[in-house]
Amino acid sequence: MRTFAAAAVTAGLLLVPLAAAADFGRPAEIPLASQPETVVLGDATQDGSADILTTSGSTISVLPGGGDGSFGRRIDYVAGTNVRSTVFGDWDGNGADDLAVATEGAITTFAGTGGALVRQRSYPVPAPVFVGAADVDADGNLDLVATSPAQATVSVLQGLGDGTFAPAIGYGIAGAASSLVVTDLDGDEVVDIAAAGSELSILLGIGDGTFGPYQRAPAGAGLRSLAADDLDTDGNTDLVGARGQNQVAVLLNSGDGAFPAAASYQVGGTPVGVALADMDEDGTVDVVAVNRGSNDVSVLHAVGDGTFGAQSRVRVGRTPTALAVADLNGDATSDLVVSNRRSRSMTVLLNGADAPQPVVCLVPRVTRRTLTVARGMIARAHCTLAPIRRNYSKRVKRGRVIAQSPAPGTRLPEGSPVALVLSRGRRR
């Protein structure tokens, strides 16, 4: 398995004229047919390149990566009711990326087979909203851990190594949680859990797949998203969370899995996701936050001692919901993908390079054109012609287009249909 993650009408993109413009080249905006809620990166097509996987409603969509920062036409899969979170991992040990999907009342697994994702089994879990993966019992098999917005518990499903999982076991935490990280927090080489929501709860692993009673981290209340890495190069895993109207909280580990204090840094409006990666290749981990309220991404460059400089920002689509980090074009630098709900799009930001522009259906203006001319214009615009309606018109000659939908200039996924109303001429 290759791991890639380091942690309607579409709107045009404008780069905010701040320092972040030096980090990224020209962005690419990939239109989608629906409103994306999540994004993760993994090799869903088993070709060695990072693919984008996003979700909307009951559907998961894969945008196959070309290895150069470009992405092909989406492939859709039906996953279940109200998909909320996804995670890639090799559940069966065959070296291919599989998928786990948190839906309403269950976690459903998909196996990576023959360049596609094949649905496997569903496991009852109380209202899972976020799912992560790690080997919590040190048996060489990946396990699943999920949080719930309705219950103050985390659920652990131990992997059996053949692509299946044992029934979920629940562990109490301080409050309902919407995000988590699964990593070694106290330096004993055993996987622990940090679950963030109304409270930040720490569950220290015993080593056999079970966990001790939760500990509350007083500095971690009200975190919407969570990421983990060593921020001050002391060998301990630290935490970063999105919170408040415009803040990220940096929580440095005291070495024993405790986080006694949090430093706050300003980002854009209503941050909803955070990631950690070395964006400027200086050997230190930087903070990246996606901001739903200001439609942008903030980058906080690390000083190297666990502190960070002032933010720089770059504009993305409208109402971004999540971000993911990986090397998308093979240049060994960290790139970004952002899901934009209101824009119905994904934004691709390559580090230090222009992102390849996607092939899209750019709806042409064909009103008052003949059907033959309109058909050709629609094909050249990478759109398709929907079934034609006909109506009488006093103003438009017979055989010409009276009206069209969507409006001219709309950017849609390649191959999207354009509907025409063709004139029958005057009613006699």
Protein backbone atom coordinates (compact mmCIF):
# COMPACT_ATOMS: atom_id res chain seq x y z
CA MET A 1 0.00 0.00 0.00
CA ARG A 2 1.26 3.44 -0.89
CA THR A 3 0.30 6.20 1.55
CA PHE A 4 -0.34 9.64 0.10
CA ALA A 5 -1.83 11.68 2.93
CA ALA A 6 0.51 13.48 5.25
CA ALA A 7 -1.98 13.86 7.79
CA ALA A 8 -24.37 24.03 -9.98
CA VAL A 9 -22.07 26.85 -11.17
CA THR A 10 -18.51 26.98 -10.07
CA ALA A 11 -16.80 30.17 -9.00
CA GLY A 12 -13.57 31.40 -10.51
CA LEU A 13 -10.47 31.38 -8.32
CA LEU A 14 -8.40 34.40 -7.40
CA LEU A 15 -5.10 34.30 -5.55
CA VAL A 16 -5.01 36.53 -2.50
CA PRO A 17 -1.98 38.82 -2.99
CA LEU A 18 -0.21 37.61 0.16
CA ALA A 19 2.89 35.56 0.88
CA ALA A 20 1.11 32.25 0.21
CA ALA A 21 1.23 33.06 -3.50
CA ALA A 22 4.91 32.09 -3.34
CA ASP A 23 4.00 28.63 -2.02
CA PHE A 24 1.57 27.74 -4.79
CA GLY A 25 1.29 28.28 -8.51
CA ARG A 26 -1.91 28.79 -10.45
CA PRO A 27 -4.69 26.65 -8.91
CA ALA A 28 -6.93 24.27 -10.81
CA GLU A 29 -10.63 24.16 -10.05
CA ILE A 30 -12.27 20.86 -10.92
CA PRO A 31 -16.07 21.12 -11.21
CA LEU A 32 -18.26 18.40 -9.73
CA ALA A 33 -21.87 17.45 -10.25
CA SER A 34 -22.67 17.58 -6.53
CA GLN A 35 -21.60 19.34 -3.34
CA PRO A 36 -18.46 17.73 -1.87
CA GLU A 37 -18.24 17.35 1.90
CA THR A 38 -14.92 15.52 2.44
CA VAL A 39 -11.63 14.83 0.70
CA VAL A 40 -8.91 12.23 1.17
CA LEU A 41 -6.02 11.18 -1.08
CA GLY A 42 -5.04 7.60 -1.87
CA ASP A 43 -4.44 5.18 -4.72
CA ALA A 44 -8.04 4.08 -5.33
CA THR A 45 -7.23 3.03 -8.91
CA GLN A 46 -4.08 1.07 -7.95
CA ASP A 47 -1.89 2.71 -10.59
CA GLY A 48 0.71 4.26 -8.28
CA SER A 49 -0.65 7.83 -8.45
CA ALA A 50 -2.60 9.75 -5.82
CA ASP A 51 -6.32 9.96 -6.56
CA ILE A 52 -8.84 12.39 -5.05
CA LEU A 53 -11.73 10.80 -3.18
CA THR A 54 -14.63 12.98 -2.11
CA THR A 55 -18.12 12.33 -0.80
CA SER A 56 -21.59 13.82 -1.19
CA GLY A 57 -24.72 12.30 0.31
CA SER A 58 -24.62 8.56 -0.34
CA THR A 59 -21.98 8.80 -3.08
CA ILE A 60 -18.20 8.58 -3.02
CA SER A 61 -16.44 9.94 -6.10
CA VAL A 62 -12.90 9.14 -7.23
CA LEU A 63 -10.96 11.53 -9.48
CA PRO A 64 -8.08 9.45 -10.90
CA GLY A 65 -4.71 11.15 -10.59
CA GLY A 66 -2.39 11.42 -13.57
CA GLY A 67 0.79 11.65 -11.48
CA ASP A 68 1.48 15.19 -12.71
CA GLY A 69 -1.12 17.03 -10.65
CA SER A 70 -3.89 16.43 -13.17
CA PHE A 71 -7.05 14.41 -12.56
CA GLY A 72 -9.38 12.51 -14.88
CA ARG A 73 -13.13 12.07 -15.08
CA ARG A 74 -14.75 10.99 -11.85
CA ILE A 75 -15.83 7.47 -10.97
CA ASP A 76 -18.84 7.23 -8.64
CA TYR A 77 -19.68 4.54 -6.06
CA VAL A 78 -22.75 4.22 -3.85
CA ALA A 79 -21.55 3.90 -0.26
CA GLY A 80 -24.59 4.16 2.01
CA THR A 81 -26.76 6.72 3.73
CA ASN A 82 -25.15 10.05 4.60
CA VAL A 83 -21.42 9.45 4.08
CA ARG A 84 -19.49 11.45 6.69
CA SER A 85 -15.85 10.37 6.59
CA THR A 86 -13.46 8.10 4.70
CA VAL A 87 -9.98 6.68 5.25
CA PHE A 88 -7.62 4.65 3.06
CA GLY A 89 -5.68 1.64 4.35
CA ASP A 90 -4.62 -1.86 3.36
CA TRP A 91 -7.13 -3.98 5.30
CA ASP A 92 -6.24 -7.33 3.68
CA GLY A 93 -2.45 -7.02 3.42
CA ASN A 94 -2.26 -7.32 -0.37
CA GLY A 95 -0.47 -3.99 -0.87
CA ALA A 96 -3.45 -2.17 -2.48
CA ASP A 97 -5.32 0.77 -0.96
CA ASP A 98 -8.70 -0.23 0.47
CA LEU A 99 -11.30 2.16 1.89
CA ALA A 100 -13.41 2.50 5.02
CA VAL A 101 -16.48 4.75 4.91
CA ALA A 102 -18.38 6.12 7.90
CA THR A 103 -22.08 6.23 7.07
CA GLU A 104 -25.21 6.62 9.18
CA GLY A 105 -24.95 3.87 11.78
CA ALA A 106 -22.14 1.82 10.24
CA ILE A 107 -18.65 1.68 8.81
CA THR A 108 -18.55 0.10 5.36
CA THR A 109 -15.37 -1.26 3.79
CA PHE A 110 -14.33 -1.35 0.14
CA ALA A 111 -11.49 -3.45 -1.27
CA GLY A 112 -9.12 -2.05 -3.90
CA THR A 113 -9.41 -4.63 -6.69
CA GLY A 114 -8.67 -4.44 -10.40
CA GLY A 115 -8.37 -0.67 -10.47
CA ALA A 116 -11.71 -0.17 -8.71
CA LEU A 117 -13.23 -0.12 -5.23
CA VAL A 118 -15.42 -3.14 -4.52
CA ARG A 119 -17.89 -2.96 -1.65
CA GLN A 120 -17.31 -5.54 1.09
CA ARG A 121 -19.00 -5.48 4.52
CA SER A 122 -20.69 -3.06 6.91
CA TYR A 123 -20.10 -2.99 10.67
CA PRO A 124 -22.59 -1.38 13.08
CA VAL A 125 -21.11 1.65 14.83
CA PRO A 126 -23.09 4.30 16.78
CA ALA A 127 -23.45 7.31 14.44
CA PRO A 128 -19.83 7.48 13.22
CA VAL A 129 -18.79 10.93 11.99
CA PHE A 130 -15.02 10.47 11.61
CA VAL A 131 -12.94 7.35 11.01
CA GLY A 132 -9.18 6.84 11.30
CA ALA A 133 -6.86 3.86 10.87
CA ALA A 134 -3.81 2.53 12.74
CA ASP A 135 -2.45 -0.73 14.13
CA VAL A 136 -3.66 -0.27 17.71
CA ASP A 137 -2.89 -3.83 18.88
CA ALA A 138 0.54 -4.21 17.23
CA ASP A 139 -0.44 -7.37 15.33
CA GLY A 140 0.55 -6.03 11.92
CA ASN A 141 -3.04 -5.42 10.81
CA LEU A 142 -4.67 -2.01 10.49
CA ASP A 143 -7.59 -1.32 12.82
CA LEU A 144 -10.34 1.31 12.59
CA VAL A 145 -11.25 3.98 15.16
CA ALA A 146 -14.36 6.16 14.88
CA THR A 147 -15.93 9.07 16.76
CA SER A 148 -19.60 10.00 17.13
CA PRO A 149 -21.26 13.43 17.42
CA ALA A 150 -24.11 11.85 19.36
CA GLN A 151 -22.26 9.81 21.98
CA ALA A 152 -19.23 10.44 24.21
CA THR A 153 -17.45 7.34 22.93
CA VAL A 154 -14.86 6.21 20.44
CA SER A 155 -15.36 2.87 18.70
CA VAL A 156 -12.43 0.55 17.94
CA LEU A 157 -12.76 -2.20 15.30
CA GLN A 158 -9.77 -4.56 15.31
CA GLY A 159 -8.63 -5.69 11.87
CA LEU A 160 -8.32 -9.43 11.34
CA GLY A 161 -5.85 -9.14 8.45
CA ASP A 162 -8.14 -10.63 5.80
CA GLY A 163 -10.09 -7.45 5.08
CA THR A 164 -12.62 -8.03 7.84
CA PHE A 165 -12.97 -6.50 11.31
CA ALA A 166 -14.13 -7.60 14.73
CA PRO A 167 -17.26 -5.95 16.18
CA ALA A 168 -16.81 -2.41 17.50
CA ILE A 169 -15.75 -1.90 21.12
CA GLY A 170 -16.67 1.43 22.69
CA TYR A 171 -14.52 3.53 25.05
CA GLY A 172 -15.90 6.46 26.97
CA ILE A 173 -14.47 9.93 26.45
CA ALA A 174 -15.14 13.38 27.93
CA GLY A 175 -17.63 14.49 25.27
CA ALA A 176 -18.91 13.84 21.77
CA ALA A 177 -16.11 14.22 19.22
CA SER A 178 -16.00 15.14 15.54
CA SER A 179 -12.33 14.41 14.80
CA LEU A 180 -9.49 12.23 16.03
CA VAL A 181 -5.88 11.19 15.50
CA VAL A 182 -4.50 7.74 16.22
CA THR A 183 -0.77 7.83 17.00
CA ASP A 184 1.77 7.35 19.82
CA LEU A 185 1.29 10.28 22.18
CA ASP A 186 3.26 9.21 25.27
CA GLY A 187 6.42 7.83 23.65
CA ASP A 188 5.96 4.17 24.60
CA GLU A 189 5.64 2.99 20.96
CA VAL A 190 2.01 2.03 21.57
CA VAL A 191 -0.79 3.69 19.60
CA ASP A 192 -2.96 6.17 21.52
CA ILE A 193 -6.09 8.16 20.58
CA ALA A 194 -6.82 11.87 20.78
CA ALA A 195 -10.50 12.69 20.15
CA ALA A 196 -11.57 16.30 19.68
CA GLY A 197 -14.94 17.99 20.03
CA SER A 198 -16.49 19.82 22.95
CA GLU A 199 -13.54 18.43 24.92
CA LEU A 200 -10.15 16.96 23.98
CA SER A 201 -9.90 13.42 25.30
CA ILE A 202 -6.71 11.34 25.40
CA LEU A 203 -6.93 7.54 25.50
CA LEU A 204 -3.56 5.91 26.14
CA GLY A 205 -3.11 2.50 24.59
CA ILE A 206 -2.27 -0.56 26.69
CA GLY A 207 -0.57 -2.31 23.76
CA ASP A 208 -3.04 -5.13 23.18
CA GLY A 209 -5.65 -3.04 21.37
CA THR A 210 -7.35 -1.83 24.53
CA PHE A 211 -7.18 1.60 26.14
CA GLY A 212 -7.12 3.02 29.64
CA PRO A 213 -9.62 5.54 31.01
CA TYR A 214 -9.70 8.84 29.15
CA GLN A 215 -7.77 11.87 30.30
CA ARG A 216 -9.09 15.34 29.60
CA ALA A 217 -6.63 17.80 28.01
CA PRO A 218 -7.69 21.18 29.46
CA ALA A 219 -6.24 23.17 26.56
CA GLY A 220 -8.30 21.40 23.91
CA ALA A 221 -11.95 22.43 24.26
CA GLY A 222 -13.99 23.23 21.16
CA LEU A 223 -11.72 21.79 18.46
CA ARG A 224 -13.41 21.09 15.10
CA SER A 225 -10.50 19.27 13.46
CA LEU A 226 -7.29 17.68 14.67
CA ALA A 227 -3.83 16.85 13.26
CA ALA A 228 -0.69 15.46 14.90
CA ASP A 229 3.09 15.67 14.33
CA ASP A 230 6.29 16.67 16.14
CA LEU A 231 6.16 20.47 15.91
CA ASP A 232 9.12 21.41 18.13
CA THR A 233 11.51 18.57 17.13
CA ASP A 234 11.71 17.15 20.67
CA GLY A 235 10.61 13.66 19.61
CA ASN A 236 7.10 13.99 21.05
CA THR A 237 3.89 14.10 19.02
CA ASP A 238 2.11 17.45 19.31
CA LEU A 239 -1.42 18.43 18.26
CA VAL A 240 -3.01 21.21 16.22
CA GLY A 241 -6.75 21.89 16.10
CA ALA A 242 -9.11 24.29 14.35
CA ARG A 243 -11.35 26.26 16.70
CA GLY A 244 -13.31 29.47 17.19
CA GLN A 245 -14.02 32.13 14.64
CA ASN A 246 -10.48 32.40 13.27
CA GLN A 247 -7.97 30.37 15.29
CA VAL A 248 -5.87 27.26 15.31
CA ALA A 249 -4.66 25.92 18.63
CA VAL A 250 -1.14 24.47 18.95
CA LEU A 251 -0.83 22.00 21.84
CA LEU A 252 2.72 20.91 22.68
CA ASN A 253 3.16 17.50 24.28
CA SER A 254 4.84 17.41 27.67
CA GLY A 255 6.24 14.00 26.77
CA ASP A 256 3.78 11.79 28.59
CA GLY A 257 0.73 12.35 26.40
CA ALA A 258 -0.44 15.42 28.32
CA PHE A 259 -1.12 18.81 26.70
CA PRO A 260 -1.20 21.38 29.50
CA ALA A 261 -1.39 24.55 27.41
CA ALA A 262 -2.45 25.79 23.99
CA ALA A 263 -1.07 28.66 21.93
CA SER A 264 -3.52 30.32 19.55
CA TYR A 265 -2.69 31.60 16.06
CA GLN A 266 -4.96 33.63 13.80
CA VAL A 267 -6.14 32.13 10.52
CA GLY A 268 -9.07 32.90 8.22
CA GLY A 269 -12.74 32.82 9.13
CA THR A 270 -14.23 29.66 10.66
CA PRO A 271 -11.44 27.12 10.12
CA VAL A 272 -12.94 23.65 9.62
CA GLY A 273 -9.90 21.53 8.82
CA VAL A 274 -6.18 21.41 9.61
CA ALA A 275 -3.22 19.51 8.21
CA LEU A 276 0.49 19.41 9.01
CA ALA A 277 3.24 19.25 6.38
CA ASP A 278 6.58 20.83 5.52
CA MET A 279 5.30 23.26 2.91
CA ASP A 280 8.55 25.25 2.46
CA GLU A 281 11.03 22.33 2.64
CA ASP A 282 12.99 23.73 5.58
CA GLY A 283 12.75 20.55 7.64
CA THR A 284 10.05 21.82 10.01
CA VAL A 285 6.33 21.08 10.00
CA ASP A 286 3.98 23.89 8.97
CA VAL A 287 0.27 24.31 9.72
CA VAL A 288 -2.34 24.46 6.95
CA ALA A 289 -5.95 25.40 7.76
CA VAL A 290 -8.96 25.55 5.44
CA ASN A 291 -11.39 28.33 6.33
CA ARG A 292 -15.07 27.94 5.55
CA GLY A 293 -16.01 31.49 6.50
CA SER A 294 -13.44 33.30 4.33
CA ASN A 295 -13.19 30.83 1.42
CA ASP A 296 -9.44 30.40 1.67
CA VAL A 297 -6.53 28.40 3.02
CA SER A 298 -4.11 29.72 5.66
CA VAL A 299 -0.47 28.59 5.89
CA LEU A 300 1.48 29.15 9.10
CA HIS A 301 5.20 28.55 8.56
CA ALA A 302 7.04 26.99 11.48
CA VAL A 303 9.88 28.74 13.25
CA GLY A 304 11.23 25.36 14.43
CA ASP A 305 10.64 25.57 18.18
CA GLY A 306 6.92 24.84 18.14
CA THR A 307 5.95 28.41 17.29
CA PHE A 308 4.70 29.79 13.98
CA GLY A 309 4.85 32.98 11.98
CA ALA A 310 1.92 35.06 10.78
CA GLN A 311 -0.47 33.41 8.36
CA SER A 312 -0.42 33.74 4.61
CA ARG A 313 -3.57 32.94 2.66
CA VAL A 314 -4.71 31.77 -0.75
CA ARG A 315 -8.24 31.86 -2.10
CA VAL A 316 -10.11 28.66 -2.94
CA GLY A 317 -13.75 27.98 -3.93
CA ARG A 318 -16.87 28.90 -2.00
CA THR A 319 -17.62 27.24 1.35
CA PRO A 320 -14.65 24.90 1.60
CA THR A 321 -15.29 21.88 3.80
CA ALA A 322 -12.04 19.88 4.03
CA LEU A 323 -8.45 19.62 2.81
CA ALA A 324 -5.88 16.90 2.18
CA VAL A 325 -2.11 17.00 1.69
CA ALA A 326 0.10 14.82 -0.52
CA ASP A 327 2.71 14.99 -3.27
CA LEU A 328 0.47 15.10 -6.34
CA ASN A 329 3.02 15.65 -9.11
CA GLY A 330 6.06 13.63 -8.01
CA ASP A 331 8.35 16.55 -7.11
CA ALA A 332 8.70 15.52 -3.43
CA THR A 333 6.85 18.61 -2.15
CA SER A 334 3.52 18.82 -0.35
CA ASP A 335 0.51 19.86 -2.43
CA LEU A 336 -3.08 20.58 -1.36
CA VAL A 337 -6.58 19.56 -2.41
CA VAL A 338 -9.62 21.39 -1.01
CA SER A 339 -13.29 20.42 -1.33
CA ASN A 340 -15.65 23.37 -1.93
CA ARG A 341 -19.29 22.68 -1.17
CA ARG A 342 -21.05 25.75 -2.53
CA SER A 343 -18.81 25.95 -5.60
CA ARG A 344 -19.37 22.23 -6.30
CA SER A 345 -15.68 21.85 -6.98
CA MET A 346 -12.26 20.68 -5.86
CA THR A 347 -9.32 23.10 -5.76
CA VAL A 348 -5.86 21.69 -6.51
CA LEU A 349 -2.87 23.75 -5.32
CA LEU A 350 0.58 22.54 -6.35
CA ASN A 351 3.57 23.64 -4.31
CA GLY A 352 5.71 25.95 -6.46
CA ALA A 353 4.03 24.96 -9.73
CA ASP A 354 0.94 25.70 -11.80
CA ALA A 355 -1.70 22.99 -11.54
CA PRO A 356 -2.74 21.39 -14.86
CA GLN A 357 -6.11 22.79 -15.85
CA PRO A 358 -8.91 20.21 -16.07
CA VAL A 359 -10.96 19.46 -19.15
CA VAL A 360 -14.42 20.85 -18.37
CA CYS A 361 -17.75 21.38 -20.05
CA LEU A 362 -17.71 25.15 -20.57
CA VAL A 363 -21.27 25.76 -21.74
CA PRO A 364 -21.29 27.79 -25.00
CA ARG A 365 -23.92 30.34 -26.02
CA VAL A 366 -26.03 28.65 -28.69
CA THR A 367 -29.34 30.55 -28.61
CA ARG A 368 -30.64 31.42 -32.09
CA ARG A 369 -28.18 28.96 -33.65
CA THR A 370 -29.33 26.10 -35.85
CA LEU A 371 -29.37 22.67 -34.27
CA THR A 372 -26.44 21.53 -36.41
CA VAL A 373 -24.27 24.47 -35.35
CA ALA A 374 -25.35 24.19 -31.71
CA ARG A 375 -24.60 20.47 -31.66
CA GLY A 376 -21.07 21.10 -32.91
CA MET A 377 -20.42 23.92 -30.45
CA ILE A 378 -21.61 21.78 -27.54
CA ALA A 379 -19.37 18.87 -28.57
CA ARG A 380 -16.32 21.12 -28.96
CA ALA A 381 -17.00 22.52 -25.47
CA HIS A 382 -16.69 18.96 -24.04
CA CYS A 383 -20.41 18.85 -23.20
CA THR A 384 -23.15 16.50 -24.39
CA LEU A 385 -26.56 17.27 -25.87
CA ALA A 386 -29.53 16.43 -23.68
CA PRO A 387 -32.85 15.29 -25.25
CA ILE A 388 -34.26 18.21 -27.23
CA ARG A 389 -37.55 19.92 -26.47
CA ARG A 390 -39.47 21.88 -29.07
CA ASN A 391 -41.80 24.84 -28.75
CA TYR A 392 -43.49 27.43 -30.91
CA SER A 393 -41.92 30.90 -31.18
CA LYS A 394 -42.94 34.15 -32.82
CA ARG A 395 -39.40 35.52 -32.68
CA VAL A 396 -37.06 32.62 -33.37
CA LYS A 397 -37.02 30.91 -36.73
CA ARG A 398 -37.97 27.28 -37.08
CA GLY A 399 -35.07 24.93 -36.35
CA ARG A 400 -33.13 27.40 -34.22
CA VAL A 401 -32.48 27.38 -30.47
CA ILE A 402 -34.95 29.36 -28.34
CA ALA A 403 -33.41 28.66 -24.94
CA GLN A 404 -30.69 26.65 -23.27
CA SER A 405 -29.79 25.34 -19.83
CA PRO A 406 -27.40 25.71 -18.04
CA ALA A 407 -26.53 29.33 -18.78
CA PRO A 408 -23.63 30.14 -21.13
CA GLY A 409 -20.28 30.27 -19.33
CA THR A 410 -21.20 27.67 -16.70
CA ARG A 411 -18.32 25.29 -15.86
CA LEU A 412 -19.43 21.70 -15.39
CA PRO A 413 -17.74 18.29 -15.33
CA GLU A 414 -16.62 17.04 -18.73
CA GLY A 415 -19.51 15.42 -20.62
CA SER A 416 -22.27 17.21 -18.72
CA PRO A 417 -25.57 17.60 -20.63
CA VAL A 418 -26.81 20.87 -22.13
CA ALA A 419 -30.57 21.08 -22.64
CA LEU A 420 -32.00 22.97 -25.64
CA VAL A 421 -35.44 24.21 -26.61
CA LEU A 422 -35.76 24.25 -30.40
CA SER A 423 -38.18 26.50 -32.27
CA ARG A 424 -41.12 25.04 -34.23
CA GLY A 425 -41.66 28.45 -35.75
CA ARG A 426 -44.95 30.34 -35.51
CA ARG A 427 -48.06 28.46 -34.47
CA ARG A 428 -50.37 28.19 -37.50
